[in-house]
Each structure stands twice: as structure tokens, then as C-alpha cells.
């Protein structure tokens, strides 16, 4: 069974920074793509950033230049550095990952971590 556990959320003022972590644990053979999503109250979940096993990255336009995604394959962990935070970044942040537990890869989600930015 695979578990993804996010941490690092909190409350900050506009302009502040946070670093989110998402660690995978359990029995699996490999992890491919890892992503960060967020969902604000009353809004759909949106992709914030993604990273491949080879460290290719992509970002939502709204966070380019402010957020940085990275990963440590030895620790099965993906990070999201959030800088210059704005009130509109307030949301629950989720990670997901494509994990191979047997023959195929399947997607697994974390439980989410709250980020609140005050003006």
C-alpha cells in the first residue's frame, strides 16, 4: 500500500514563503511524475506544478517565477517552495504521484495541507 503525506503548510502574510513536502512510503518499485495541485474553497482543483523523474518541470502561469518544484528520488519526496505568496494562493495543496507497485503505474494522492495567506 502506498501513502503520500504532505507537510509544511501554514498561515503566512502576503509576501511570505513556505516549503511544502510530500513523502511517499509503502511498498513500490518506482515513482514517475509527481505533481502539486491546489483547491481553494468553491473552486476546482488545479495543477500548480509538475516534475518528471528526470527533473523536467512545468508550472501554472499564476505561479511561474514564485513557486519551485523539486524532488529527491532517494527520499521519494517532492517539494514545493512557495515564495512571494499572495492571498489568492490560499488553498489546500495536494500532491500526487505515478507509482509502480507491480506491473503498472497508478496515481496516488496525499491528504492535503492547508496554506493560508493573509493580506
Protein backbone atom coordinates (compact mmCIF):
# COMPACT_ATOMS: atom_id res chain seq x y z
CA UNK A 1 0.00 0.00 0.00
CA UNK A 2 1.30 3.43 -0.97
CA UNK A 3 0.88 6.53 1.15
CA UNK A 4 1.65 10.13 0.29
CA UNK A 5 1.92 12.51 3.22
CA UNK A 6 2.13 16.27 2.74
CA UNK A 7 3.55 18.67 5.30
CA UNK A 8 4.74 22.25 5.59
CA UNK A 9 1.50 24.16 5.21
CA UNK A 10 0.58 27.04 7.47
CA UNK A 11 -0.51 30.65 7.73
CA UNK A 12 1.67 33.47 6.42
CA UNK A 13 1.32 37.08 5.42
CA UNK A 14 1.43 38.20 1.82
CA UNK A 15 4.98 38.20 0.53
CA UNK A 16 5.98 35.34 2.80
CA UNK A 17 7.30 31.89 1.97
CA UNK A 18 6.55 28.28 2.76
CA UNK A 19 8.07 24.96 1.74
CA UNK A 20 5.75 22.03 1.25
CA UNK A 21 6.93 18.43 1.29
CA UNK A 22 5.24 15.25 0.13
CA UNK A 23 6.82 11.93 1.04
CA UNK A 24 5.82 8.58 -0.42
CA UNK A 25 6.02 5.45 1.68
CA UNK A 26 4.97 1.81 1.42
CA UNK A 27 5.85 -0.97 -0.99
CA UNK A 28 6.55 0.13 -4.55
CA UNK A 29 9.17 -0.17 -7.25
CA UNK A 30 9.36 3.30 -8.77
CA UNK A 31 7.82 6.76 -8.91
CA UNK A 32 7.50 8.65 -12.16
CA UNK A 33 5.76 12.02 -12.42
CA UNK A 34 4.94 13.91 -9.23
CA UNK A 35 2.63 16.91 -9.11
CA UNK A 36 1.26 19.55 -6.80
CA UNK A 37 -2.37 20.64 -7.07
CA UNK A 38 -4.39 23.09 -5.05
CA UNK A 39 -8.05 23.63 -4.35
CA UNK A 40 -9.48 26.84 -2.99
CA UNK A 41 -12.96 26.99 -1.41
CA UNK A 42 -15.63 26.87 -4.07
CA UNK A 43 -13.14 26.28 -6.88
CA UNK A 44 -11.98 23.28 -8.84
CA UNK A 45 -8.71 21.59 -8.09
CA UNK A 46 -5.96 22.97 -10.33
CA UNK A 47 -2.50 21.81 -11.28
CA UNK A 48 0.16 24.04 -9.77
CA UNK A 49 3.40 22.34 -10.79
CA UNK A 50 4.71 19.02 -12.01
CA UNK A 51 8.06 17.28 -12.20
CA UNK A 52 9.21 14.16 -14.03
CA UNK A 53 11.66 11.61 -12.70
CA UNK A 54 14.25 13.30 -14.91
CA UNK A 55 13.53 16.70 -13.31
CA UNK A 56 11.64 18.31 -16.17
CA UNK A 57 9.20 20.78 -14.67
CA UNK A 58 6.06 22.66 -15.61
CA UNK A 59 4.12 25.37 -13.80
CA UNK A 60 0.76 27.07 -13.88
CA UNK A 61 1.10 30.59 -15.26
CA UNK A 62 -0.19 32.02 -11.98
CA UNK A 63 2.80 30.68 -10.03
CA UNK A 64 5.66 30.93 -12.52
CA UNK A 65 8.60 32.78 -11.04
CA UNK A 66 7.26 32.40 -7.50
CA UNK A 67 6.97 28.64 -6.89
CA UNK A 68 9.64 25.99 -7.45
CA UNK A 69 9.05 22.26 -7.58
CA UNK A 70 11.86 19.81 -6.89
CA UNK A 71 12.28 16.19 -5.84
CA UNK A 72 14.65 13.89 -4.03
CA UNK A 73 14.33 10.45 -5.58
CA UNK A 74 16.39 8.83 -2.83
CA UNK A 75 13.85 10.05 -0.29
CA UNK A 76 10.78 9.52 -2.53
CA UNK A 77 9.86 13.12 -1.77
CA UNK A 78 8.65 16.05 -3.81
CA UNK A 79 8.90 19.64 -2.60
CA UNK A 80 7.18 22.88 -3.47
CA UNK A 81 8.88 26.12 -2.50
CA UNK A 82 6.32 28.91 -2.33
CA UNK A 83 7.73 32.43 -2.42
CA UNK A 84 6.09 35.86 -2.64
CA UNK A 85 2.81 34.37 -1.53
CA UNK A 86 -0.43 36.16 -2.33
CA UNK A 87 -3.87 35.88 -0.73
CA UNK A 88 -5.12 34.13 -3.88
CA UNK A 89 -2.66 31.32 -3.19
CA UNK A 90 -4.79 30.32 -0.21
CA UNK A 91 -5.91 26.74 -0.76
CA UNK A 92 -5.46 23.15 0.27
CA UNK A 93 -2.39 21.84 -1.53
CA UNK A 94 -2.28 18.20 -2.61
CA UNK A 95 0.44 16.10 -4.14
CA UNK A 96 0.00 13.13 -6.39
CA UNK A 97 2.44 10.68 -7.89
CA UNK A 98 2.54 7.95 -10.50
CA UNK A 99 3.72 4.92 -8.56
CA UNK A 100 4.55 1.45 -9.82
CA UNK A 101 3.51 -1.19 -7.32
CA UNK A 102 3.55 -4.14 -9.70
CA UNK A 103 3.36 -4.13 -13.48
CA UNK A 104 1.62 -0.80 -13.96
CA UNK A 105 1.86 2.73 -12.69
CA UNK A 106 -1.13 4.14 -10.85
CA UNK A 107 -1.83 7.56 -9.37
CA UNK A 108 -1.90 8.12 -5.64
CA UNK A 109 -2.94 11.23 -3.72
CA UNK A 110 -1.98 12.75 -0.42
CA UNK A 111 -4.46 14.10 2.13
CA UNK A 112 -3.59 17.75 1.56
CA UNK A 113 -2.05 20.56 3.57
CA UNK A 114 -3.64 23.96 4.14
CA UNK A 115 -1.91 27.14 3.02
CA UNK A 116 -3.46 30.41 4.17
CA UNK A 117 -2.10 33.78 3.05
CA UNK A 118 -3.37 36.95 4.68
CA UNK A 119 -3.10 40.43 3.20
